[in-house]
């Protein structure tokens, strides 16, 4: 089952498919352990909320969590569109939407692309 993931402004930004997170182009962004999401290197990103957003506490005091990442999964068939987003509740100040606050954490840079000179 493929679950669309939205930003707080309602933009469809990713899909959650069989325990893995992919952007709308099918590029692997990370994996899940329970409801917690980790990047491809195994570092904690956020948790998957009930309303299909990736949220995180604004201030994290403890050390960044790391888990051994699985091997890269094959890209799923990404739908051409997503249903309208659910009505989002306002986030308390202590929580942030990772796709709004840190979109650079989800930028895909191909490992096969030549370096800039």
N, C-alpha and C. Protein backbone atom coordinates (compact mmCIF):
# COMPACT_ATOMS: atom_id res chain seq x y z
N UNK A 1 0.84 -1.18 0.00
CA UNK A 1 0.00 0.00 0.00
C UNK A 1 0.89 1.25 0.00
N UNK A 2 0.54 2.21 -0.82
CA UNK A 2 1.29 3.45 -0.93
C UNK A 2 0.51 4.57 -0.25
N UNK A 3 1.17 5.26 0.69
CA UNK A 3 0.53 6.34 1.45
C UNK A 3 1.16 7.66 1.01
N UNK A 4 0.36 8.63 0.55
CA UNK A 4 0.93 9.93 0.19
C UNK A 4 1.35 10.69 1.44
N UNK A 5 2.45 11.42 1.34
CA UNK A 5 2.96 12.26 2.44
C UNK A 5 2.87 13.70 1.97
N UNK A 6 2.39 14.57 2.85
CA UNK A 6 2.15 15.97 2.51
C UNK A 6 2.97 16.90 3.39
N UNK A 7 3.22 18.11 2.89
CA UNK A 7 3.74 19.21 3.70
C UNK A 7 2.55 19.84 4.39
N UNK A 8 2.81 20.64 5.40
CA UNK A 8 1.72 21.27 6.14
C UNK A 8 0.89 22.22 5.30
N UNK A 9 1.45 22.73 4.18
CA UNK A 9 0.67 23.61 3.31
C UNK A 9 -0.19 22.83 2.32
N UNK A 10 -0.17 21.48 2.40
CA UNK A 10 -1.01 20.65 1.55
C UNK A 10 -0.34 20.10 0.32
N UNK A 11 0.92 20.46 0.07
CA UNK A 11 1.66 19.97 -1.09
C UNK A 11 2.02 18.50 -0.91
N UNK A 12 1.77 17.70 -1.96
CA UNK A 12 2.15 16.29 -1.94
C UNK A 12 3.65 16.22 -2.23
N UNK A 13 4.44 15.65 -1.31
CA UNK A 13 5.89 15.70 -1.45
C UNK A 13 6.56 14.33 -1.49
N UNK A 14 5.88 13.28 -1.04
CA UNK A 14 6.52 11.97 -0.97
C UNK A 14 5.46 10.88 -0.87
N UNK A 15 5.93 9.63 -0.93
CA UNK A 15 5.07 8.48 -0.69
C UNK A 15 5.78 7.54 0.28
N UNK A 16 4.98 6.89 1.09
CA UNK A 16 5.47 5.88 2.02
C UNK A 16 4.99 4.55 1.47
N UNK A 17 5.95 3.67 1.13
CA UNK A 17 5.60 2.41 0.48
C UNK A 17 6.42 1.28 1.10
N UNK A 18 5.74 0.32 1.71
CA UNK A 18 6.36 -0.87 2.29
C UNK A 18 7.54 -0.54 3.19
N UNK A 19 7.34 0.43 4.09
CA UNK A 19 8.37 0.77 5.07
C UNK A 19 9.47 1.68 4.57
N UNK A 20 9.31 2.24 3.37
CA UNK A 20 10.33 3.13 2.81
C UNK A 20 9.67 4.42 2.33
N UNK A 21 10.44 5.51 2.37
CA UNK A 21 9.98 6.82 1.94
C UNK A 21 10.64 7.15 0.61
N UNK A 22 9.82 7.56 -0.37
CA UNK A 22 10.30 7.94 -1.70
C UNK A 22 9.75 9.31 -2.04
N UNK A 23 10.53 10.11 -2.80
CA UNK A 23 9.96 11.38 -3.27
C UNK A 23 9.03 11.10 -4.43
N UNK A 24 8.43 12.12 -4.97
CA UNK A 24 7.42 11.92 -6.03
C UNK A 24 8.05 11.51 -7.36
N UNK A 25 9.38 11.51 -7.45
CA UNK A 25 10.08 11.01 -8.64
C UNK A 25 10.51 9.56 -8.46
N UNK A 26 10.25 8.99 -7.29
CA UNK A 26 10.61 7.60 -7.03
C UNK A 26 11.99 7.40 -6.44
N UNK A 27 12.65 8.49 -6.03
CA UNK A 27 13.98 8.37 -5.44
C UNK A 27 13.86 8.09 -3.95
N UNK A 28 14.68 7.17 -3.46
CA UNK A 28 14.62 6.71 -2.07
C UNK A 28 15.11 7.80 -1.12
N UNK A 29 14.27 8.17 -0.15
CA UNK A 29 14.62 9.19 0.83
C UNK A 29 14.93 8.62 2.20
N UNK A 30 14.49 7.40 2.46
CA UNK A 30 14.74 6.82 3.77
C UNK A 30 13.86 5.62 4.03
N UNK A 31 13.89 5.18 5.29
CA UNK A 31 13.15 3.99 5.69
C UNK A 31 12.56 4.21 7.08
N UNK A 32 11.65 3.34 7.43
CA UNK A 32 10.95 3.47 8.72
C UNK A 32 11.27 2.30 9.63
N UNK A 33 11.33 2.61 10.91
CA UNK A 33 11.38 1.62 11.97
C UNK A 33 10.20 1.98 12.87
N UNK A 34 9.13 1.22 12.75
CA UNK A 34 7.89 1.62 13.42
C UNK A 34 7.35 2.85 12.70
N UNK A 35 7.14 3.94 13.45
CA UNK A 35 6.69 5.21 12.86
C UNK A 35 7.82 6.21 12.72
N UNK A 36 9.02 5.84 13.14
CA UNK A 36 10.16 6.74 13.04
C UNK A 36 10.83 6.57 11.69
N UNK A 37 11.20 7.69 11.06
CA UNK A 37 11.80 7.68 9.74
C UNK A 37 13.28 8.05 9.83
N UNK A 38 14.09 7.33 9.06
CA UNK A 38 15.53 7.53 9.04
C UNK A 38 15.98 7.77 7.61
N UNK A 39 17.06 8.55 7.44
CA UNK A 39 17.56 8.81 6.09
C UNK A 39 18.31 7.58 5.56
N UNK A 40 18.73 7.57 4.30
CA UNK A 40 19.40 6.39 3.73
C UNK A 40 20.70 6.00 4.46
N UNK A 41 21.28 6.93 5.22
CA UNK A 41 22.49 6.63 5.99
C UNK A 41 22.18 6.10 7.38
N UNK A 42 20.90 6.07 7.76
CA UNK A 42 20.50 5.53 9.04
C UNK A 42 20.30 6.54 10.15
N UNK A 43 20.36 7.84 9.85
CA UNK A 43 20.18 8.87 10.88
C UNK A 43 18.72 9.29 10.98
N UNK A 44 18.28 9.53 12.21
CA UNK A 44 16.88 9.88 12.49
C UNK A 44 16.49 11.16 11.77
N UNK A 45 15.31 11.14 11.14
CA UNK A 45 14.77 12.32 10.46
C UNK A 45 13.56 12.87 11.20
N UNK A 46 12.54 12.03 11.38
CA UNK A 46 11.26 12.50 11.90
C UNK A 46 10.39 11.30 12.23
N UNK A 47 9.15 11.57 12.60
CA UNK A 47 8.17 10.49 12.75
C UNK A 47 7.01 10.76 11.82
N UNK A 48 6.36 9.70 11.41
CA UNK A 48 5.21 9.79 10.52
C UNK A 48 3.98 10.03 11.38
N UNK A 49 3.33 11.17 11.19
CA UNK A 49 2.16 11.52 11.99
C UNK A 49 0.91 10.83 11.45
N UNK A 50 -0.15 10.84 12.24
CA UNK A 50 -1.41 10.23 11.83
C UNK A 50 -2.03 10.94 10.63
N UNK A 51 -1.69 12.23 10.44
CA UNK A 51 -2.28 12.98 9.33
C UNK A 51 -1.34 13.06 8.12
N UNK A 52 -0.42 12.09 8.00
CA UNK A 52 0.41 11.90 6.81
C UNK A 52 1.42 13.02 6.59
N UNK A 53 2.04 13.47 7.67
CA UNK A 53 3.13 14.45 7.60
C UNK A 53 4.34 13.88 8.32
N UNK A 54 5.51 14.41 8.01
CA UNK A 54 6.73 14.04 8.71
C UNK A 54 7.05 15.14 9.70
N UNK A 55 6.91 14.82 10.98
CA UNK A 55 7.08 15.81 12.03
C UNK A 55 8.25 15.44 12.94
N UNK A 56 8.77 16.47 13.61
CA UNK A 56 9.89 16.28 14.53
C UNK A 56 9.81 17.33 15.63
N UNK A 57 10.32 17.00 16.79
CA UNK A 57 10.40 18.00 17.86
C UNK A 57 11.36 19.09 17.43
N UNK A 58 11.00 20.33 17.74
CA UNK A 58 11.83 21.48 17.35
C UNK A 58 13.22 21.41 17.97
N UNK A 59 13.30 21.12 19.23
CA UNK A 59 14.61 21.03 19.89
C UNK A 59 14.85 19.59 20.33
N UNK A 60 15.97 19.07 19.89
CA UNK A 60 16.35 17.71 20.24
C UNK A 60 17.60 17.79 21.11
N UNK A 61 17.48 17.33 22.33
CA UNK A 61 18.59 17.45 23.28
C UNK A 61 19.51 16.24 23.19
N UNK A 62 18.94 15.05 23.02
CA UNK A 62 19.77 13.85 22.99
C UNK A 62 20.57 13.75 21.69
N UNK A 63 21.53 12.84 21.68
CA UNK A 63 22.36 12.59 20.51
C UNK A 63 21.50 12.09 19.34
N UNK A 64 21.89 12.38 18.10
CA UNK A 64 21.14 11.87 16.96
C UNK A 64 21.14 10.34 16.97
N UNK A 65 19.98 9.76 16.71
CA UNK A 65 19.86 8.30 16.69
C UNK A 65 20.31 7.76 15.35
N UNK A 66 20.90 6.57 15.40
CA UNK A 66 21.36 5.91 14.19
C UNK A 66 20.95 4.45 14.25
N UNK A 67 20.49 3.92 13.13
CA UNK A 67 20.20 2.50 13.00
C UNK A 67 20.84 2.02 11.69
N UNK A 68 21.16 0.76 11.63
CA UNK A 68 21.78 0.21 10.42
C UNK A 68 20.76 0.26 9.29
N UNK A 69 21.09 0.96 8.20
CA UNK A 69 20.13 1.07 7.10
C UNK A 69 20.01 -0.23 6.30
N UNK A 70 18.83 -0.49 5.76
CA UNK A 70 18.66 -1.65 4.88
C UNK A 70 19.26 -1.35 3.51
N UNK A 71 19.32 -2.35 2.68
CA UNK A 71 19.80 -2.11 1.32
C UNK A 71 18.76 -1.27 0.57
N UNK A 72 19.22 -0.58 -0.45
CA UNK A 72 18.34 0.31 -1.22
C UNK A 72 17.23 -0.50 -1.89
N UNK A 73 15.97 -0.13 -1.63
CA UNK A 73 14.86 -0.87 -2.24
C UNK A 73 14.63 -0.42 -3.68
N UNK A 74 13.96 -1.23 -4.47
CA UNK A 74 13.60 -0.78 -5.82
C UNK A 74 12.53 0.32 -5.72
N UNK A 75 12.54 1.21 -6.69
CA UNK A 75 11.54 2.29 -6.70
C UNK A 75 10.17 1.73 -7.01
N UNK A 76 9.16 2.17 -6.25
CA UNK A 76 7.80 1.70 -6.54
C UNK A 76 7.21 2.48 -7.72
N UNK A 77 6.08 2.02 -8.18
CA UNK A 77 5.34 2.76 -9.21
C UNK A 77 4.65 3.92 -8.51
N UNK A 78 5.09 5.12 -8.81
CA UNK A 78 4.55 6.33 -8.16
C UNK A 78 3.32 6.78 -8.94
N UNK A 79 2.21 7.03 -8.24
CA UNK A 79 1.01 7.52 -8.94
C UNK A 79 1.26 8.91 -9.53
N UNK A 80 0.50 9.26 -10.53
CA UNK A 80 0.67 10.56 -11.17
C UNK A 80 0.12 11.70 -10.34
N UNK A 81 -0.68 11.40 -9.36
CA UNK A 81 -1.24 12.42 -8.48
C UNK A 81 -1.62 11.80 -7.15
N UNK A 82 -2.02 12.64 -6.23
CA UNK A 82 -2.40 12.16 -4.91
C UNK A 82 -3.78 12.73 -4.56
N UNK A 83 -4.49 12.05 -3.66
CA UNK A 83 -5.77 12.60 -3.21
C UNK A 83 -5.55 13.93 -2.49
N UNK A 84 -6.61 14.68 -2.34
CA UNK A 84 -6.51 15.92 -1.59
C UNK A 84 -6.01 15.62 -0.18
N UNK A 85 -5.19 16.51 0.37
CA UNK A 85 -4.66 16.25 1.71
C UNK A 85 -5.76 16.33 2.76
N UNK A 86 -5.55 15.66 3.89
CA UNK A 86 -6.52 15.78 4.98
C UNK A 86 -6.45 17.19 5.58
N UNK A 87 -7.43 17.53 6.37
CA UNK A 87 -7.39 18.81 7.09
C UNK A 87 -6.36 18.69 8.20
N UNK A 88 -5.32 19.51 8.13
CA UNK A 88 -4.25 19.44 9.12
C UNK A 88 -4.58 20.31 10.33
N UNK A 89 -4.25 19.80 11.48
CA UNK A 89 -4.37 20.62 12.69
C UNK A 89 -3.13 21.49 12.76
N UNK A 90 -3.22 22.60 13.45
CA UNK A 90 -2.06 23.46 13.63
C UNK A 90 -1.05 22.75 14.50
N UNK A 91 0.21 22.93 14.16
CA UNK A 91 1.27 22.31 14.96
C UNK A 91 1.60 23.19 16.16
N UNK A 92 1.84 22.59 17.31
CA UNK A 92 2.32 23.39 18.44
C UNK A 92 3.73 23.90 18.14
N UNK A 93 4.17 24.90 18.83
CA UNK A 93 5.48 25.49 18.59
C UNK A 93 6.60 24.46 18.75
N UNK A 94 6.38 23.47 19.56
CA UNK A 94 7.43 22.49 19.85
C UNK A 94 7.64 21.48 18.71
N UNK A 95 6.78 21.49 17.69
CA UNK A 95 6.88 20.54 16.58
C UNK A 95 7.14 21.28 15.27
N UNK A 96 7.88 20.62 14.36
CA UNK A 96 8.12 21.20 13.03
C UNK A 96 7.80 20.17 11.96
N UNK A 97 7.44 20.66 10.79
CA UNK A 97 7.23 19.83 9.61
C UNK A 97 8.58 19.78 8.89
N UNK A 98 9.17 18.61 8.79
CA UNK A 98 10.52 18.48 8.22
C UNK A 98 10.59 18.92 6.75
N UNK A 99 9.54 18.69 5.98
CA UNK A 99 9.56 19.08 4.57
C UNK A 99 9.48 20.60 4.42
N UNK A 100 8.97 21.30 5.42
CA UNK A 100 8.92 22.77 5.35
C UNK A 100 10.18 23.40 5.93
N UNK A 101 10.65 22.89 7.06
CA UNK A 101 11.78 23.50 7.77
C UNK A 101 13.14 23.08 7.22
N UNK A 102 13.27 21.83 6.77
CA UNK A 102 14.55 21.32 6.30
C UNK A 102 14.41 20.56 4.98
N UNK A 103 13.93 21.22 3.92
CA UNK A 103 13.75 20.51 2.65
C UNK A 103 15.06 19.99 2.07
N UNK A 104 16.19 20.62 2.45
CA UNK A 104 17.48 20.17 1.92
C UNK A 104 17.85 18.77 2.39
N UNK A 105 17.25 18.30 3.49
CA UNK A 105 17.52 16.94 3.96
C UNK A 105 16.95 15.90 3.00
N UNK A 106 16.07 16.32 2.11
CA UNK A 106 15.42 15.40 1.18
C UNK A 106 15.83 15.63 -0.27
N UNK A 107 16.86 16.46 -0.47
CA UNK A 107 17.35 16.70 -1.83
C UNK A 107 18.13 15.48 -2.28
N UNK A 108 17.80 15.01 -3.45
CA UNK A 108 18.48 13.84 -4.00
C UNK A 108 19.57 14.30 -4.93
N UNK A 109 20.80 13.88 -4.65
CA UNK A 109 21.91 14.18 -5.52
C UNK A 109 22.46 12.84 -5.99
N UNK A 110 22.38 12.62 -7.27
CA UNK A 110 22.81 11.34 -7.83
C UNK A 110 24.28 11.09 -7.57
N UNK A 111 24.60 9.87 -7.17
CA UNK A 111 25.99 9.50 -6.94
C UNK A 111 26.73 9.31 -8.25
N UNK A 112 26.00 9.22 -9.34
CA UNK A 112 26.63 9.00 -10.64
C UNK A 112 26.82 10.30 -11.42
N UNK A 113 26.29 11.40 -10.90
CA UNK A 113 26.44 12.69 -11.58
C UNK A 113 27.87 13.19 -11.42
N UNK A 114 28.50 13.72 -12.48
CA UNK A 114 29.88 14.21 -12.34
C UNK A 114 29.92 15.40 -11.38
N UNK A 115 31.04 15.53 -10.69
CA UNK A 115 31.25 16.65 -9.77
C UNK A 115 31.37 17.95 -10.53
N UNK A 116 31.00 19.06 -9.85
CA UNK A 116 31.17 20.37 -10.46
C UNK A 116 32.66 20.70 -10.49
N UNK A 117 33.10 21.39 -11.51
CA UNK A 117 34.52 21.72 -11.61
C UNK A 117 34.79 23.12 -11.13
